[in-house]
């Protein structure tokens, strides 16, 4: 017999999530053009690498969430591709390095 003053644990169920990449095979993600520039002083080296990157193929992902509670399960499929991956843009960036030789 159950004691009514003792709270019984609640069956919380389970949640399972699986994410897969939709593309198969090898594809170039982007192409980059860079021009390293270096300047040497007596004990110092300064380097600068400007880079231009052009994206080609985005990566799309799909997530399947399965919720099980009291013997019943529900499966939900969603496009889980991040916003930034859906809206790829050409980018320009600089890599700066300073080295001291002793």
C-alpha atoms as a PDB file:
ATOM      1  CA  UNK A   1       0.000   0.000   0.000  1.00  0.00           C
ATOM      2  CA  UNK A   2       1.312   3.431  -0.949  1.00  0.00           C
ATOM      3  CA  UNK A   3       1.649   6.113   1.652  1.00  0.00           C
ATOM      4  CA  UNK A   4      -0.284   9.176   0.358  1.00  0.00           C
ATOM      5  CA  UNK A   5       2.054  11.554   2.179  1.00  0.00           C
ATOM      6  CA  UNK A   6       5.099  10.320   0.197  1.00  0.00           C
ATOM      7  CA  UNK A   7       5.239  11.830  -3.274  1.00  0.00           C
ATOM      8  CA  UNK A   8       5.704   9.224  -5.966  1.00  0.00           C
ATOM      9  CA  UNK A   9       8.331   9.905  -8.651  1.00  0.00           C
ATOM     10  CA  UNK A  10       6.969  11.226 -11.931  1.00  0.00           C
ATOM     11  CA  UNK A  11       7.803   9.248 -15.051  1.00  0.00           C
ATOM     12  CA  UNK A  12       9.728  11.894 -16.979  1.00  0.00           C
ATOM     13  CA  UNK A  13      10.100   9.861 -20.186  1.00  0.00           C
ATOM     14  CA  UNK A  14      13.030  10.099 -22.570  1.00  0.00           C
ATOM     15  CA  UNK A  15      14.187  12.434 -25.312  1.00  0.00           C
ATOM     16  CA  UNK A  16      16.529  11.251 -28.051  1.00  0.00           C
ATOM     17  CA  UNK A  17      17.960  13.650 -30.646  1.00  0.00           C
ATOM     18  CA  UNK A  18      19.932  12.666 -33.756  1.00  0.00           C
ATOM     19  CA  UNK A  19      21.475  15.177 -36.169  1.00  0.00           C
ATOM     20  CA  UNK A  20      22.725  14.175 -39.624  1.00  0.00           C
ATOM     21  CA  UNK A  21      24.493  16.020 -42.436  1.00  0.00           C
ATOM     22  CA  UNK A  22      22.444  15.817 -45.622  1.00  0.00           C
ATOM     23  CA  UNK A  23      25.271  16.014 -48.195  1.00  0.00           C
ATOM     24  CA  UNK A  24      27.190  12.949 -49.293  1.00  0.00           C
ATOM     25  CA  UNK A  25      30.683  12.879 -50.736  1.00  0.00           C
ATOM     26  CA  UNK A  26      33.446  15.454 -50.951  1.00  0.00           C
ATOM     27  CA  UNK A  27      32.712  19.075 -51.869  1.00  0.00           C
ATOM     28  CA  UNK A  28      34.755  22.251 -51.632  1.00  0.00           C
ATOM     29  CA  UNK A  29      33.320  24.467 -48.913  1.00  0.00           C
ATOM     30  CA  UNK A  30      35.141  27.591 -50.016  1.00  0.00           C
ATOM     31  CA  UNK A  31      38.017  28.980 -52.034  1.00  0.00           C
ATOM     32  CA  UNK A  32      40.485  31.387 -50.479  1.00  0.00           C
ATOM     33  CA  UNK A  33      42.950  33.784 -52.029  1.00  0.00           C
ATOM     34  CA  UNK A  34      45.672  35.139 -49.762  1.00  0.00           C
ATOM     35  CA  UNK A  35      48.896  37.128 -50.138  1.00  0.00           C
ATOM     36  CA  UNK A  36      51.340  36.814 -47.211  1.00  0.00           C
ATOM     37  CA  UNK A  37      53.515  39.885 -46.623  1.00  0.00           C
ATOM     38  CA  UNK A  38      56.476  39.873 -44.227  1.00  0.00           C
ATOM     39  CA  UNK A  39      58.812  42.638 -43.061  1.00  0.00           C
ATOM     40  CA  UNK A  40      62.029  41.877 -41.137  1.00  0.00           C
ATOM     41  CA  UNK A  41      63.782  44.298 -38.812  1.00  0.00           C
ATOM     42  CA  UNK A  42      66.865  43.524 -36.717  1.00  0.00           C
ATOM     43  CA  UNK A  43      65.065  41.538 -33.974  1.00  0.00           C
ATOM     44  CA  UNK A  44      61.483  41.870 -35.111  1.00  0.00           C
ATOM     45  CA  UNK A  45      59.360  40.304 -37.819  1.00  0.00           C
ATOM     46  CA  UNK A  46      55.977  41.689 -38.798  1.00  0.00           C
ATOM     47  CA  UNK A  47      53.725  39.629 -41.038  1.00  0.00           C
ATOM     48  CA  UNK A  48      50.363  40.419 -42.570  1.00  0.00           C
ATOM     49  CA  UNK A  49      48.193  38.026 -44.578  1.00  0.00           C
ATOM     50  CA  UNK A  50      45.105  39.506 -46.211  1.00  0.00           C
ATOM     51  CA  UNK A  51      42.631  36.779 -47.236  1.00  0.00           C
ATOM     52  CA  UNK A  52      39.563  36.817 -49.469  1.00  0.00           C
ATOM     53  CA  UNK A  53      37.212  33.819 -48.954  1.00  0.00           C
ATOM     54  CA  UNK A  54      34.312  32.883 -51.254  1.00  0.00           C
ATOM     55  CA  UNK A  55      31.942  30.144 -49.977  1.00  0.00           C
ATOM     56  CA  UNK A  56      30.591  27.586 -52.475  1.00  0.00           C
ATOM     57  CA  UNK A  57      28.670  24.777 -50.769  1.00  0.00           C
ATOM     58  CA  UNK A  58      26.677  25.116 -47.574  1.00  0.00           C
ATOM     59  CA  UNK A  59      26.270  22.265 -45.115  1.00  0.00           C
ATOM     60  CA  UNK A  60      22.637  21.402 -44.328  1.00  0.00           C
ATOM     61  CA  UNK A  61      21.656  19.329 -41.313  1.00  0.00           C
ATOM     62  CA  UNK A  62      18.481  17.568 -40.216  1.00  0.00           C
ATOM     63  CA  UNK A  63      17.612  16.707 -36.606  1.00  0.00           C
ATOM     64  CA  UNK A  64      15.185  13.991 -35.571  1.00  0.00           C
ATOM     65  CA  UNK A  65      13.842  14.323 -32.008  1.00  0.00           C
ATOM     66  CA  UNK A  66      12.059  11.301 -30.525  1.00  0.00           C
ATOM     67  CA  UNK A  67      10.051  11.820 -27.319  1.00  0.00           C
ATOM     68  CA  UNK A  68       8.897   8.736 -25.391  1.00  0.00           C
ATOM     69  CA  UNK A  69       6.484   8.941 -22.467  1.00  0.00           C
ATOM     70  CA  UNK A  70       4.451   6.114 -20.917  1.00  0.00           C
ATOM     71  CA  UNK A  71       5.022   3.778 -23.868  1.00  0.00           C
ATOM     72  CA  UNK A  72       3.987   6.288 -26.538  1.00  0.00           C
ATOM     73  CA  UNK A  73       6.547   8.003 -28.753  1.00  0.00           C
ATOM     74  CA  UNK A  74       6.439  11.028 -31.006  1.00  0.00           C
ATOM     75  CA  UNK A  75       9.021  11.772 -33.725  1.00  0.00           C
ATOM     76  CA  UNK A  76       9.667  15.341 -34.909  1.00  0.00           C
ATOM     77  CA  UNK A  77      11.980  16.126 -37.857  1.00  0.00           C
ATOM     78  CA  UNK A  78      13.400  19.651 -38.165  1.00  0.00           C
ATOM     79  CA  UNK A  79      15.853  21.439 -40.439  1.00  0.00           C
ATOM     80  CA  UNK A  80      18.606  22.257 -37.936  1.00  0.00           C
ATOM     81  CA  UNK A  81      20.904  24.135 -40.320  1.00  0.00           C
ATOM     82  CA  UNK A  82      22.231  27.263 -38.539  1.00  0.00           C
ATOM     83  CA  UNK A  83      21.177  30.685 -39.867  1.00  0.00           C
ATOM     84  CA  UNK A  84      24.769  31.600 -40.738  1.00  0.00           C
ATOM     85  CA  UNK A  85      25.108  28.457 -42.881  1.00  0.00           C
ATOM     86  CA  UNK A  86      21.937  29.280 -44.846  1.00  0.00           C
ATOM     87  CA  UNK A  87      23.144  32.839 -45.507  1.00  0.00           C
ATOM     88  CA  UNK A  88      26.758  32.419 -46.592  1.00  0.00           C
ATOM     89  CA  UNK A  89      28.635  35.573 -47.544  1.00  0.00           C
ATOM     90  CA  UNK A  90      31.979  36.402 -49.101  1.00  0.00           C
ATOM     91  CA  UNK A  91      34.430  37.579 -46.448  1.00  0.00           C
ATOM     92  CA  UNK A  92      37.721  39.465 -46.289  1.00  0.00           C
ATOM     93  CA  UNK A  93      39.972  39.194 -43.230  1.00  0.00           C
ATOM     94  CA  UNK A  94      43.528  39.976 -42.109  1.00  0.00           C
ATOM     95  CA  UNK A  95      45.944  37.833 -40.135  1.00  0.00           C
ATOM     96  CA  UNK A  96      48.589  39.906 -38.325  1.00  0.00           C
ATOM     97  CA  UNK A  97      51.687  38.472 -36.668  1.00  0.00           C
ATOM     98  CA  UNK A  98      54.520  40.065 -34.712  1.00  0.00           C
ATOM     99  CA  UNK A  99      57.597  38.065 -33.721  1.00  0.00           C
ATOM    100  CA  UNK A 100      60.576  39.036 -31.583  1.00  0.00           C
ATOM    101  CA  UNK A 101      63.845  37.131 -32.172  1.00  0.00           C
ATOM    102  CA  UNK A 102      66.367  36.899 -29.329  1.00  0.00           C
END
